[in-house]
Amino acid sequence: MENKLLTLWRYYPSGRIRVEEISETLQLSLKQTTRYLKKWDEEGWMSFTSGRGRGNVSTLTWEKDVEEVFEEEAMNQIDRESVTYSSKYLMYDWSTDTKLRLMNKFHSKLGFIQESKDKLIVPKRHPFFSIHPLDAADVLSAHLVANVFNRLVSITEKGDILAEIAHSWDVSSDKIRLYLRKDISFHDGSLLTAKDVVECLDRVRTHSHYKGLWAPIEKIEIKAPHVIDIHHPGGCSYTLQMLSMMYASIYKENKGRVLGTGSFSIEGNRDEKTTLVAFKDHFRERPLLDAVEFVQVPQDFKGMYQSHHEQHVASSVEVESDSGFGIVVMNATRDSDIQRKEVRDYLHWIIAKNRHTIMDYEPRATANDRSILAGQDQHMTICEVDKPFFSAPLVIRSANHTAKTTQWLEDIFEKENIPVDLQWFSFKDTLNRQPKTLDVDLFVHGEIFEANQNFSFYHFLMNGFSPLLHILENSEKWRSTLGNYPHTPFEQWTGLNMKVERMLMEESIMIPLYYEKRFIPFSSDIMNIEMKHFGYVDFSKLWVRPVV
């Protein structure tokens, strides 16, 4: 089955046609197109008569219903072959009805498979952005990292620090001493050493995206085979919290591989499939599953975590998961009208009075006029503002992952006769903060906190992927305000966070827009479902009740 042949069938009925048009549609050279047409003619799919001379009209007559033949073959392949092999057919250029039938068929193959090994197969709509802890800035990649690597400590939603690679620690005003567990193995069988830990942490604190957060840390040194000291002579109230973050995972690089110590190791990672296998020598406990496979599916595929023997049963349970929040960011440092506070305040008022309509564009979103910190309320009233003069259209940034909410923003501005210029960027470019993505007046940004929101809020402001960093780091007022964090006991951070957020709202720089929840369906025989980092399930805890 060739996707190019299916595309040709879908878009060009029998009749007169120019080879140049086919070449453009199939994204082939004229020479390649001619070769393919000859091949398909010889195979009996069509009769093709080439026009004489370049640019002359040719004639195409279909001899078979390509999509019907291909669908039957794809259905058979899904039945016979592994999901890893057959998933590629879902990416073909099918008509809507055919694609739906194939996805329903494929869906029955997903889930828990109890063969010689217990395997959970999970659909993935996008390749993982990165499997390296330092670069896993999107939530999907971070979810993978959470299952493959360990950190020195972890933090609970309530703010409690729990032991991981470090079993104990001593805290003083100018340093933290960490005591490491003995005999922790990397996935290649080598033992973790204090030197591995220090090398990882030194890479983090000098990394361009995290050096601002780690600025209070002046030195990390080995004091004994399983003891390291982290020095912060000027004080740092959040060192332990910082060590719990995903990018502070401990890893080892060897022959092009990034090795972790987590409950699963990466057996393979390609766009079409990523495989995790249980690490039997994990220093805590072996996962109850033997493997987890992420298999690529189309973006509109609707799947669930499902066990193999319940694939035809509707028995399921929905688990609520946090999908984070959305904000509007106004780029107060840009050399445009957006620098003027009266412009930002007017836009803030327009957003506030229309915020309740956001669900018309994004049904999973709930309008949020309180705070991006769950459970908090700024009790802020936005008063009507006179419309200022606009010297040029507002430049609004958009990307596929914010398309619906950005459309809402564009529509409410146009309703108020505010000129706008929408500029599109890729998710990758916005994530990496490419310079052009920052040369805009405003944009919608979606975020989900990793675990504890008090530290995550500060991390959200200060890390190198932050949508606000370029605004805050260029202002003495904001640098001074953020400088209070290292010297404020972590137990008092809620009040500090509320103060900083209110300042951002009063300056009309960051405007809360929505909260977002999702409900993930699991078949009822999947046990011990526990949501952890970024609102995703912890694979190390899952098991499936067997049929006996």
Protein backbone atom coordinates (compact mmCIF):
# COMPACT_ATOMS: atom_id res chain seq x y z
CA MET A 1 0.00 0.00 0.00
CA GLU A 2 1.41 3.36 -1.05
CA ASN A 3 0.10 6.53 0.57
CA LYS A 4 0.95 8.55 -2.55
CA LEU A 5 -1.36 6.38 -4.64
CA LEU A 6 -4.15 6.83 -2.08
CA THR A 7 -3.62 10.60 -2.13
CA LEU A 8 -3.86 10.63 -5.91
CA TRP A 9 -7.09 8.61 -5.79
CA ARG A 10 -8.59 10.93 -3.17
CA TYR A 11 -7.93 14.19 -4.98
CA TYR A 12 -8.00 13.41 -8.70
CA PRO A 13 -10.99 11.63 -10.30
CA SER A 14 -10.84 10.11 -13.79
CA GLY A 15 -10.42 12.76 -16.46
CA ARG A 16 -7.99 15.22 -17.97
CA ILE A 17 -5.12 16.41 -15.80
CA ARG A 18 -1.69 17.99 -15.93
CA VAL A 19 1.30 16.04 -14.60
CA GLU A 20 2.60 19.26 -13.03
CA GLU A 21 -0.47 19.38 -10.76
CA ILE A 22 0.04 15.77 -9.66
CA SER A 23 3.71 16.48 -9.02
CA GLU A 24 2.86 19.41 -6.74
CA THR A 25 0.19 17.45 -4.83
CA LEU A 26 2.44 14.43 -4.25
CA GLN A 27 5.48 16.65 -3.55
CA LEU A 28 7.59 14.85 -6.13
CA SER A 29 9.72 15.97 -9.03
CA LEU A 30 8.23 15.66 -12.52
CA LYS A 31 10.60 12.78 -13.25
CA GLN A 32 9.58 10.92 -10.08
CA THR A 33 5.89 11.57 -10.77
CA THR A 34 6.15 10.15 -14.29
CA ARG A 35 7.90 7.07 -12.92
CA TYR A 36 5.17 6.48 -10.32
CA LEU A 37 2.36 6.98 -12.86
CA LYS A 38 3.94 4.44 -15.18
CA LYS A 39 4.34 1.95 -12.32
CA TRP A 40 0.72 2.32 -11.14
CA ASP A 41 -0.51 1.96 -14.74
CA GLU A 42 1.45 -1.30 -15.10
CA GLU A 43 0.03 -2.58 -11.80
CA GLY A 44 -3.52 -2.06 -13.08
CA TRP A 45 -4.65 0.69 -10.73
CA MET A 46 -5.24 3.14 -13.57
CA SER A 47 -4.87 3.83 -17.24
CA PHE A 48 -2.69 6.86 -17.81
CA THR A 49 -2.12 8.52 -21.17
CA SER A 50 0.52 11.23 -21.14
CA GLY A 51 -0.08 14.42 -23.09
CA ARG A 52 2.47 15.10 -25.78
CA GLY A 53 4.99 17.75 -24.79
CA ARG A 54 5.70 19.50 -21.50
CA GLY A 55 2.64 21.11 -19.92
CA ASN A 56 0.11 19.39 -22.17
CA VAL A 57 -3.00 17.77 -20.70
CA SER A 58 -2.86 14.04 -19.88
CA THR A 59 -5.70 11.60 -19.24
CA LEU A 60 -6.19 9.46 -16.12
CA THR A 61 -8.78 6.68 -15.85
CA TRP A 62 -9.10 4.74 -12.60
CA GLU A 63 -9.47 0.97 -12.94
CA LYS A 64 -9.86 0.16 -9.22
CA ASP A 65 -11.27 1.81 -6.09
CA VAL A 66 -7.92 2.38 -4.38
CA GLU A 67 -9.29 3.36 -0.98
CA GLU A 68 -11.62 0.37 -0.81
CA VAL A 69 -8.79 -2.05 -1.64
CA PHE A 70 -6.38 -0.34 0.76
CA GLU A 71 -8.92 -0.25 3.60
CA GLU A 72 -9.51 -3.99 3.35
CA GLU A 73 -5.76 -4.64 3.40
CA ALA A 74 -5.22 -2.25 6.33
CA MET A 75 -7.97 -3.97 8.33
CA ASN A 76 -6.27 -7.31 7.72
CA GLN A 77 -2.88 -5.91 8.72
CA ILE A 78 -4.31 -4.51 11.98
CA ASP A 79 -5.72 -7.98 12.72
CA ARG A 80 -2.53 -9.86 11.87
CA GLU A 81 0.33 -7.57 12.75
CA SER A 82 1.53 -5.89 15.94
CA VAL A 83 0.22 -2.42 16.73
CA THR A 84 3.74 -1.10 16.23
CA TYR A 85 3.70 -2.25 12.59
CA SER A 86 0.07 -1.52 11.74
CA SER A 87 -0.13 1.93 13.37
CA LYS A 88 1.60 3.46 10.34
CA TYR A 89 -1.53 2.89 8.24
CA LEU A 90 -3.52 5.30 10.43
CA MET A 91 -1.28 8.10 9.16
CA TYR A 92 -2.35 7.58 5.53
CA ASP A 93 -4.49 10.10 3.67
CA TRP A 94 -7.87 8.41 4.21
CA SER A 95 -11.33 9.87 3.81
CA THR A 96 -13.02 10.73 7.11
CA ASP A 97 -15.30 7.66 7.23
CA THR A 98 -12.53 5.21 6.35
CA LYS A 99 -10.18 6.75 8.89
CA LEU A 100 -12.82 6.43 11.61
CA ARG A 101 -13.38 2.74 10.82
CA LEU A 102 -9.65 2.04 10.90
CA MET A 103 -9.15 3.91 14.17
CA ASN A 104 -11.98 1.96 15.80
CA LYS A 105 -10.38 -1.26 14.62
CA PHE A 106 -6.96 -0.19 15.84
CA HIS A 107 -8.38 0.90 19.19
CA SER A 108 -9.38 -2.69 19.95
CA LYS A 109 -5.70 -3.67 19.76
CA LEU A 110 -4.53 -1.15 22.36
CA GLY A 111 -4.26 -1.71 26.07
CA PHE A 112 -2.88 -4.31 28.39
CA ILE A 113 -1.59 -7.49 26.74
CA GLN A 114 -0.78 -10.46 28.95
CA GLU A 115 1.43 -12.74 26.94
CA SER A 116 4.85 -13.84 28.14
CA LYS A 117 5.14 -10.24 29.39
CA ASP A 118 2.62 -7.75 30.77
CA LYS A 119 2.57 -4.82 28.39
CA LEU A 120 0.53 -1.62 28.34
CA ILE A 121 0.14 -0.02 24.90
CA VAL A 122 -0.64 3.69 24.94
CA PRO A 123 -1.45 5.94 21.94
CA LYS A 124 0.80 8.96 21.40
CA ARG A 125 -0.26 11.74 19.05
CA HIS A 126 3.15 13.42 18.80
CA PRO A 127 6.76 12.26 19.03
CA PHE A 128 8.47 13.04 22.31
CA PHE A 129 10.23 16.40 22.08
CA SER A 130 13.24 15.11 24.04
CA ILE A 131 14.19 12.23 26.33
CA HIS A 132 17.00 14.18 28.02
CA PRO A 133 16.10 15.64 31.44
CA LEU A 134 17.67 19.01 30.63
CA ASP A 135 15.66 19.43 27.42
CA ALA A 136 12.30 17.82 28.29
CA ALA A 137 10.43 21.11 28.55
CA ASP A 138 7.04 19.92 27.28
CA VAL A 139 4.72 17.88 29.51
CA LEU A 140 4.75 14.74 27.32
CA SER A 141 8.53 14.49 27.38
CA ALA A 142 8.61 15.30 31.09
CA HIS A 143 6.14 12.46 31.70
CA LEU A 144 8.57 10.07 30.01
CA VAL A 145 11.51 11.46 31.98
CA ALA A 146 9.56 10.99 35.25
CA ASN A 147 9.35 7.24 34.63
CA VAL A 148 12.95 6.78 33.44
CA PHE A 149 15.03 8.93 35.82
CA ASN A 150 15.16 9.62 39.54
CA ARG A 151 15.91 12.83 41.38
CA LEU A 152 17.78 13.29 44.65
CA VAL A 153 14.49 14.16 46.37
CA SER A 154 10.85 14.60 45.39
CA ILE A 155 8.22 17.05 46.57
CA THR A 156 4.57 16.44 47.32
CA GLU A 157 1.64 18.64 46.37
CA LYS A 158 1.61 19.89 49.98
CA GLY A 159 5.32 20.74 49.88
CA ASP A 160 6.79 17.83 51.85
CA ILE A 161 10.27 16.75 50.70
CA LEU A 162 10.67 12.98 50.25
CA ALA A 163 13.83 10.92 49.82
CA GLU A 164 14.79 9.41 46.45
CA ILE A 165 18.47 8.99 45.54
CA ALA A 166 19.38 10.93 48.67
CA HIS A 167 18.14 9.13 51.78
CA SER A 168 18.88 11.98 54.22
CA TRP A 169 20.12 15.56 54.35
CA ASP A 170 21.33 18.25 56.74
CA VAL A 171 20.26 21.85 56.17
CA SER A 172 22.15 24.93 57.38
CA SER A 173 22.08 28.61 56.43
CA ASP A 174 24.92 28.32 53.90
CA LYS A 175 24.78 24.75 52.59
CA ILE A 176 22.90 21.46 52.30
CA ARG A 177 24.66 18.15 52.89
CA LEU A 178 23.12 15.18 51.05
CA TYR A 179 23.67 11.53 51.95
CA LEU A 180 23.28 9.21 48.94
CA ARG A 181 21.87 5.69 48.94
CA LYS A 182 24.36 2.91 48.30
CA ASP A 183 24.32 0.43 45.40
CA ILE A 184 21.94 2.33 43.10
CA SER A 185 22.32 1.00 39.56
CA PHE A 186 22.00 2.82 36.26
CA HIS A 187 20.11 0.99 33.53
CA ASP A 188 23.36 -0.40 32.10
CA GLY A 189 24.22 -2.02 35.44
CA SER A 190 26.92 0.46 36.50
CA LEU A 191 26.68 1.90 40.01
CA LEU A 192 25.77 5.51 40.67
CA THR A 193 28.51 7.52 42.37
CA ALA A 194 28.75 10.92 44.04
CA LYS A 195 30.78 12.05 41.01
CA ASP A 196 27.79 11.25 38.71
CA VAL A 197 25.53 13.38 40.92
CA VAL A 198 27.90 16.35 41.05
CA GLU A 199 28.45 16.28 37.27
CA CYS A 200 24.68 16.31 36.64
CA LEU A 201 24.02 19.16 39.05
CA ASP A 202 26.92 21.22 37.68
CA ARG A 203 25.45 20.86 34.17
CA VAL A 204 22.10 22.08 35.47
CA ARG A 205 23.39 25.12 37.33
CA THR A 206 25.40 26.32 34.32
CA HIS A 207 22.67 25.53 31.77
CA SER A 208 21.30 28.62 29.99
CA HIS A 209 17.71 27.78 30.92
CA TYR A 210 18.33 27.20 34.63
CA LYS A 211 21.32 29.30 35.68
CA GLY A 212 19.01 32.08 36.93
CA LEU A 213 17.26 29.68 39.30
CA TRP A 214 20.55 28.18 40.44
CA ALA A 215 22.38 31.51 40.81
CA PRO A 216 22.55 31.23 44.66
CA ILE A 217 24.49 27.92 44.35
CA GLU A 218 28.22 28.69 44.27
CA LYS A 219 29.78 25.25 44.59
CA ILE A 220 28.88 21.55 44.68
CA GLU A 221 31.52 19.20 46.05
CA ILE A 222 32.07 15.60 47.11
CA LYS A 223 32.88 15.24 50.82
CA ALA A 224 32.89 11.41 51.01
CA PRO A 225 31.98 8.49 48.67
CA HIS A 226 28.24 8.98 49.35
CA VAL A 227 28.17 12.56 50.66
CA ILE A 228 27.92 15.82 48.70
CA ASP A 229 27.69 19.43 49.85
CA ILE A 230 25.75 22.13 47.99
CA HIS A 231 27.03 25.56 49.01
CA HIS A 232 24.91 28.73 48.93
CA PRO A 233 26.79 31.23 51.14
CA GLY A 234 24.35 34.03 50.38
CA GLY A 235 21.38 31.88 51.40
CA CYS A 236 18.88 29.88 49.35
CA SER A 237 15.58 28.82 50.90
CA TYR A 238 14.56 26.60 47.99
CA THR A 239 17.55 24.33 47.29
CA LEU A 240 15.76 21.09 48.21
CA GLN A 241 12.69 22.12 46.19
CA MET A 242 14.93 22.87 43.20
CA LEU A 243 16.52 19.40 43.45
CA SER A 244 13.06 17.81 43.10
CA MET A 245 12.42 19.23 39.62
CA MET A 246 12.44 17.03 36.53
CA TYR A 247 15.43 18.74 34.93
CA ALA A 248 17.46 17.93 38.10
CA SER A 249 17.16 14.19 37.38
CA ILE A 250 20.35 12.21 37.81
CA TYR A 251 21.63 10.52 34.65
CA LYS A 252 24.73 9.17 32.99
CA GLU A 253 25.75 9.63 29.35
CA ASN A 254 27.51 6.69 27.72
CA LYS A 255 28.07 6.00 24.00
CA GLY A 256 25.26 8.28 22.88
CA ARG A 257 22.78 6.91 25.44
CA VAL A 258 21.28 8.80 28.37
CA LEU A 259 20.99 6.31 31.21
CA GLY A 260 18.76 6.74 34.22
CA THR A 261 18.05 4.88 37.44
CA GLY A 262 14.24 4.99 37.20
CA SER A 263 11.65 2.22 37.32
CA PHE A 264 11.64 1.93 33.50
CA SER A 265 14.45 2.12 30.97
CA ILE A 266 14.15 3.23 27.33
CA GLU A 267 14.46 0.23 25.03
CA GLY A 268 13.74 2.17 21.84
CA ASN A 269 12.61 5.63 20.81
CA ARG A 270 11.41 6.39 17.27
CA ASP A 271 8.68 8.69 16.02
CA GLU A 272 6.34 5.75 15.43
CA LYS A 273 7.07 3.90 18.70
CA THR A 274 8.71 4.45 22.07
CA THR A 275 9.23 1.43 24.34
CA LEU A 276 9.87 1.41 28.08
CA VAL A 277 10.83 -1.82 29.84
CA ALA A 278 10.75 -2.50 33.58
CA PHE A 279 14.07 -2.03 35.38
CA LYS A 280 14.26 -5.12 37.55
CA ASP A 281 17.12 -3.76 39.68
CA HIS A 282 15.39 -0.53 40.67
CA PHE A 283 16.53 0.52 44.16
CA ARG A 284 12.96 0.77 45.41
CA GLU A 285 10.63 -1.69 43.75
CA ARG A 286 10.24 -3.33 40.38
CA PRO A 287 7.21 -2.09 38.36
CA LEU A 288 4.35 -4.57 38.10
CA LEU A 289 4.15 -4.00 34.34
CA ASP A 290 6.92 -5.45 32.17
CA ALA A 291 6.72 -2.86 29.42
CA VAL A 292 4.92 0.27 28.22
CA GLU A 293 4.73 1.03 24.48
CA PHE A 294 3.79 4.44 23.12
CA VAL A 295 2.52 4.01 19.55
CA GLN A 296 1.95 6.93 17.19
CA VAL A 297 -1.64 7.61 16.16
CA PRO A 298 -3.36 10.52 14.34
CA GLN A 299 -4.07 13.66 16.36
CA ASP A 300 -7.83 13.04 16.28
CA PHE A 301 -7.50 9.48 17.62
CA LYS A 302 -9.50 9.13 20.84
CA GLY A 303 -8.07 6.36 22.97
CA MET A 304 -7.92 5.29 26.56
CA TYR A 305 -5.80 3.18 28.85
CA GLN A 306 -7.43 -0.16 28.24
CA SER A 307 -6.80 -3.78 29.11
CA HIS A 308 -6.70 -6.38 26.36
CA HIS A 309 -9.39 -8.66 27.78
CA GLU A 310 -11.86 -5.78 28.28
CA GLN A 311 -11.42 -4.31 24.82
CA HIS A 312 -15.02 -5.00 23.83
CA VAL A 313 -16.55 -4.06 27.20
CA ALA A 314 -17.77 -0.57 27.99
CA SER A 315 -16.80 -0.91 31.69
CA SER A 316 -14.51 2.01 32.42
CA VAL A 317 -13.81 4.72 34.94
CA GLU A 318 -12.88 8.34 34.26
CA VAL A 319 -10.04 9.81 36.29
CA GLU A 320 -9.85 13.58 36.62
CA SER A 321 -6.49 15.08 35.77
CA ASP A 322 -5.22 18.63 35.91
CA SER A 323 -4.36 20.07 32.49
CA GLY A 324 -3.13 23.36 33.89
CA PHE A 325 -4.08 26.94 33.20
CA GLY A 326 -3.99 29.55 30.46
CA ILE A 327 -2.88 33.15 30.62
CA VAL A 328 -2.54 36.11 28.29
CA VAL A 329 0.98 37.56 28.30
CA MET A 330 1.45 41.17 27.24
CA ASN A 331 4.99 41.96 26.12
CA ALA A 332 5.52 45.23 27.98
CA THR A 333 9.14 45.51 26.78
CA ARG A 334 8.34 45.55 23.06
CA ASP A 335 8.86 48.83 21.21
CA SER A 336 5.21 49.26 20.25
CA ASP A 337 1.89 50.46 21.66
CA ILE A 338 1.92 47.57 24.14
CA GLN A 339 4.60 49.41 26.16
CA ARG A 340 1.97 51.96 27.16
CA LYS A 341 0.15 50.90 30.32
CA GLU A 342 -3.10 52.51 29.18
CA VAL A 343 -3.06 50.18 26.14
CA ARG A 344 -2.42 47.09 28.26
CA ASP A 345 -5.09 48.13 30.79
CA TYR A 346 -7.64 48.61 28.03
CA LEU A 347 -6.89 45.18 26.56
CA HIS A 348 -7.05 43.72 30.09
CA TRP A 349 -10.55 45.14 30.49
CA ILE A 350 -11.67 43.75 27.11
CA ILE A 351 -10.34 40.30 28.10
CA ALA A 352 -11.97 40.46 31.54
CA LYS A 353 -15.43 41.36 30.28
CA ASN A 354 -15.35 38.60 27.61
CA ARG A 355 -13.53 35.91 29.61
CA HIS A 356 -16.77 34.03 30.39
CA THR A 357 -17.15 33.16 26.68
CA ILE A 358 -13.87 31.19 26.47
CA MET A 359 -15.74 27.87 26.74
CA ASP A 360 -17.45 28.60 23.42
CA TYR A 361 -14.04 28.09 21.81
CA GLU A 362 -12.42 25.58 24.18
CA PRO A 363 -15.03 23.36 25.92
CA ARG A 364 -12.52 21.90 28.41
CA ALA A 365 -11.60 25.37 29.68
CA THR A 366 -13.22 27.06 32.67
CA ALA A 367 -12.96 30.86 32.81
CA ASN A 368 -10.55 31.96 35.56
CA ASP A 369 -10.61 35.51 36.93
CA ARG A 370 -9.09 34.65 40.33
CA SER A 371 -5.49 33.45 40.21
CA ILE A 372 -3.32 30.93 38.42
CA LEU A 373 -2.62 29.48 41.89
CA ALA A 374 -5.30 26.88 42.56
CA GLY A 375 -7.40 27.67 45.63
CA GLN A 376 -6.35 31.34 45.73
CA ASP A 377 -8.31 34.45 44.77
CA GLN A 378 -6.85 37.90 44.08
CA HIS A 379 -10.33 39.50 44.43
CA MET A 380 -9.36 41.86 41.61
CA THR A 381 -11.95 44.05 39.89
CA ILE A 382 -11.09 45.32 36.41
CA CYS A 383 -12.70 48.69 35.77
CA GLU A 384 -13.75 50.04 32.38
CA VAL A 385 -11.01 51.91 30.54
CA ASP A 386 -11.27 54.45 27.75
CA LYS A 387 -10.07 53.19 24.41
CA PRO A 388 -6.55 54.48 23.65
CA PHE A 389 -5.05 55.32 20.30
CA PHE A 390 -3.49 52.39 18.39
CA SER A 391 -0.72 53.43 16.00
CA ALA A 392 -0.45 49.96 14.44
CA PRO A 393 -2.21 46.59 14.58
CA LEU A 394 -1.49 44.45 17.63
CA VAL A 395 0.82 41.58 16.74
CA ILE A 396 -0.62 38.39 18.28
CA ARG A 397 1.36 35.16 18.39
CA SER A 398 -0.39 31.86 17.66
CA ALA A 399 0.53 28.19 17.37
CA ASN A 400 -1.46 25.01 16.86
CA HIS A 401 -1.60 24.20 20.58
CA THR A 402 -3.19 27.59 21.36
CA ALA A 403 -5.16 28.04 18.13
CA LYS A 404 -8.67 27.94 19.67
CA THR A 405 -7.99 30.36 22.51
CA THR A 406 -6.00 32.67 20.23
CA GLN A 407 -8.97 32.74 17.84
CA TRP A 408 -11.14 33.79 20.80
CA LEU A 409 -8.69 36.59 21.58
CA GLU A 410 -8.63 37.79 17.98
CA ASP A 411 -12.44 37.74 17.79
CA ILE A 412 -13.05 39.77 20.96
CA PHE A 413 -10.51 42.37 19.85
CA GLU A 414 -12.02 42.66 16.39
CA LYS A 415 -15.45 43.07 17.98
CA GLU A 416 -14.04 46.17 19.70
CA ASN A 417 -12.46 47.39 16.44
CA ILE A 418 -8.94 46.80 17.72
CA PRO A 419 -6.60 46.15 14.76
CA VAL A 420 -4.71 42.85 14.98
CA ASP A 421 -2.06 40.97 13.01
CA LEU A 422 -1.96 37.22 13.72
CA GLN A 423 1.44 35.56 13.30
CA TRP A 424 1.83 31.77 13.37
CA PHE A 425 4.73 29.79 14.83
CA SER A 426 5.50 26.12 15.48
CA PHE A 427 5.22 24.60 18.94
CA LYS A 428 8.96 23.90 18.87
CA ASP A 429 9.81 27.54 18.15
CA THR A 430 7.55 28.86 20.92
CA LEU A 431 8.92 26.28 23.37
CA ASN A 432 12.53 27.25 22.59
CA ARG A 433 11.68 30.96 22.70
CA GLN A 434 13.05 31.67 19.25
CA PRO A 435 13.64 35.45 18.95
CA LYS A 436 10.84 35.98 16.42
CA THR A 437 8.32 34.39 18.79
CA LEU A 438 9.13 37.09 21.38
CA ASP A 439 8.85 39.99 18.93
CA VAL A 440 5.07 40.16 19.36
CA ASP A 441 2.70 42.25 21.46
CA LEU A 442 0.78 39.49 23.22
CA PHE A 443 -0.06 35.79 23.16
CA VAL A 444 -1.96 33.04 24.93
CA HIS A 445 0.22 30.66 26.95
CA GLY A 446 -0.80 27.33 28.47
CA GLU A 447 1.08 25.94 31.47
CA ILE A 448 0.82 23.03 33.88
CA PHE A 449 2.71 22.98 37.16
CA GLU A 450 4.95 19.99 37.83
CA ALA A 451 3.95 19.15 41.40
CA ASN A 452 3.98 21.62 44.30
CA GLN A 453 2.50 24.88 43.01
CA ASN A 454 4.30 27.21 45.42
CA PHE A 455 7.70 26.30 43.99
CA SER A 456 6.32 25.74 40.49
CA PHE A 457 5.06 29.34 40.35
CA TYR A 458 8.54 30.74 41.03
CA HIS A 459 10.03 28.19 38.63
CA PHE A 460 7.47 29.28 36.02
CA LEU A 461 8.70 32.89 36.30
CA MET A 462 12.42 32.15 36.35
CA ASN A 463 13.27 29.17 34.14
CA GLY A 464 14.64 29.70 30.65
CA PHE A 465 11.47 28.43 28.95
CA SER A 466 9.28 30.96 30.80
CA PRO A 467 7.05 33.17 28.64
CA LEU A 468 7.65 36.00 31.12
CA LEU A 469 11.41 35.80 31.70
CA HIS A 470 12.40 38.22 28.94
CA ILE A 471 10.00 40.80 30.41
CA LEU A 472 11.05 40.39 34.05
CA GLU A 473 14.81 40.07 33.63
CA ASN A 474 15.07 43.48 31.90
CA SER A 475 13.43 45.38 34.76
CA GLU A 476 15.24 46.43 37.94
CA LYS A 477 11.91 46.50 39.79
CA TRP A 478 11.15 42.90 38.90
CA ARG A 479 14.69 41.68 39.56
CA SER A 480 14.49 43.23 43.03
CA THR A 481 11.07 41.68 43.71
CA LEU A 482 12.13 38.21 42.59
CA GLY A 483 15.30 38.58 44.64
CA ASN A 484 13.19 38.13 47.79
CA TYR A 485 12.59 34.43 47.12
CA PRO A 486 15.99 32.99 48.16
CA HIS A 487 15.74 34.75 51.53
CA THR A 488 12.07 33.98 52.28
CA PRO A 489 11.40 30.70 54.16
CA PHE A 490 9.61 28.34 51.82
CA GLU A 491 6.69 28.06 54.26
CA GLN A 492 5.95 31.74 53.56
CA TRP A 493 6.01 31.51 49.77
CA THR A 494 2.22 31.49 49.31
CA GLY A 495 2.01 35.12 50.40
CA LEU A 496 5.03 36.09 48.29
CA ASN A 497 3.59 34.35 45.24
CA MET A 498 0.26 36.12 45.67
CA LYS A 499 2.03 39.48 45.91
CA VAL A 500 4.06 38.88 42.73
CA GLU A 501 1.05 37.60 40.80
CA ARG A 502 -1.02 40.63 41.79
CA MET A 503 1.76 42.96 40.63
CA LEU A 504 1.80 41.19 37.25
CA MET A 505 -1.97 41.51 36.99
CA GLU A 506 -2.00 45.18 38.05
CA GLU A 507 0.66 45.94 35.43
CA SER A 508 -1.49 44.06 32.87
CA ILE A 509 1.48 41.84 32.00
CA MET A 510 -0.01 38.46 32.98
CA ILE A 511 -3.78 37.95 32.87
CA PRO A 512 -5.38 34.71 34.12
CA LEU A 513 -7.65 33.30 31.43
CA TYR A 514 -8.77 29.73 32.16
CA TYR A 515 -8.30 26.54 34.12
CA GLU A 516 -8.36 23.26 32.23
CA LYS A 517 -9.27 19.75 33.40
CA ARG A 518 -9.35 16.53 31.47
CA PHE A 519 -11.01 13.23 32.24
CA ILE A 520 -8.94 10.21 31.23
CA PRO A 521 -10.90 6.95 30.74
CA PHE A 522 -9.34 3.75 32.08
CA SER A 523 -10.81 0.28 31.69
CA SER A 524 -12.08 -0.83 35.10
CA ASP A 525 -9.53 -3.64 35.55
CA ILE A 526 -6.52 -1.29 35.50
CA MET A 527 -5.60 -0.90 39.16
CA ASN A 528 -3.72 1.60 41.34
CA ILE A 529 -4.13 4.61 39.03
CA GLU A 530 -2.11 7.45 40.52
CA MET A 531 -1.69 10.83 38.86
CA LYS A 532 1.70 12.33 39.50
CA HIS A 533 3.94 14.74 37.58
CA PHE A 534 2.11 17.17 35.29
CA GLY A 535 -1.20 15.35 35.78
CA TYR A 536 -0.04 12.12 34.11
CA VAL A 537 -0.32 8.55 35.37
CA ASP A 538 2.58 6.95 37.23
CA PHE A 539 3.35 3.80 35.22
CA SER A 540 5.45 2.33 38.01
CA LYS A 541 2.32 1.82 40.15
CA LEU A 542 -0.07 0.37 37.55
CA TRP A 543 -1.15 -3.26 37.40
CA VAL A 544 -3.97 -5.12 35.69
CA ARG A 545 -6.23 -7.53 37.51
CA PRO A 546 -5.83 -10.83 35.61
CA VAL A 547 -8.73 -12.97 34.43
CA VAL A 548 -8.72 -16.25 36.36
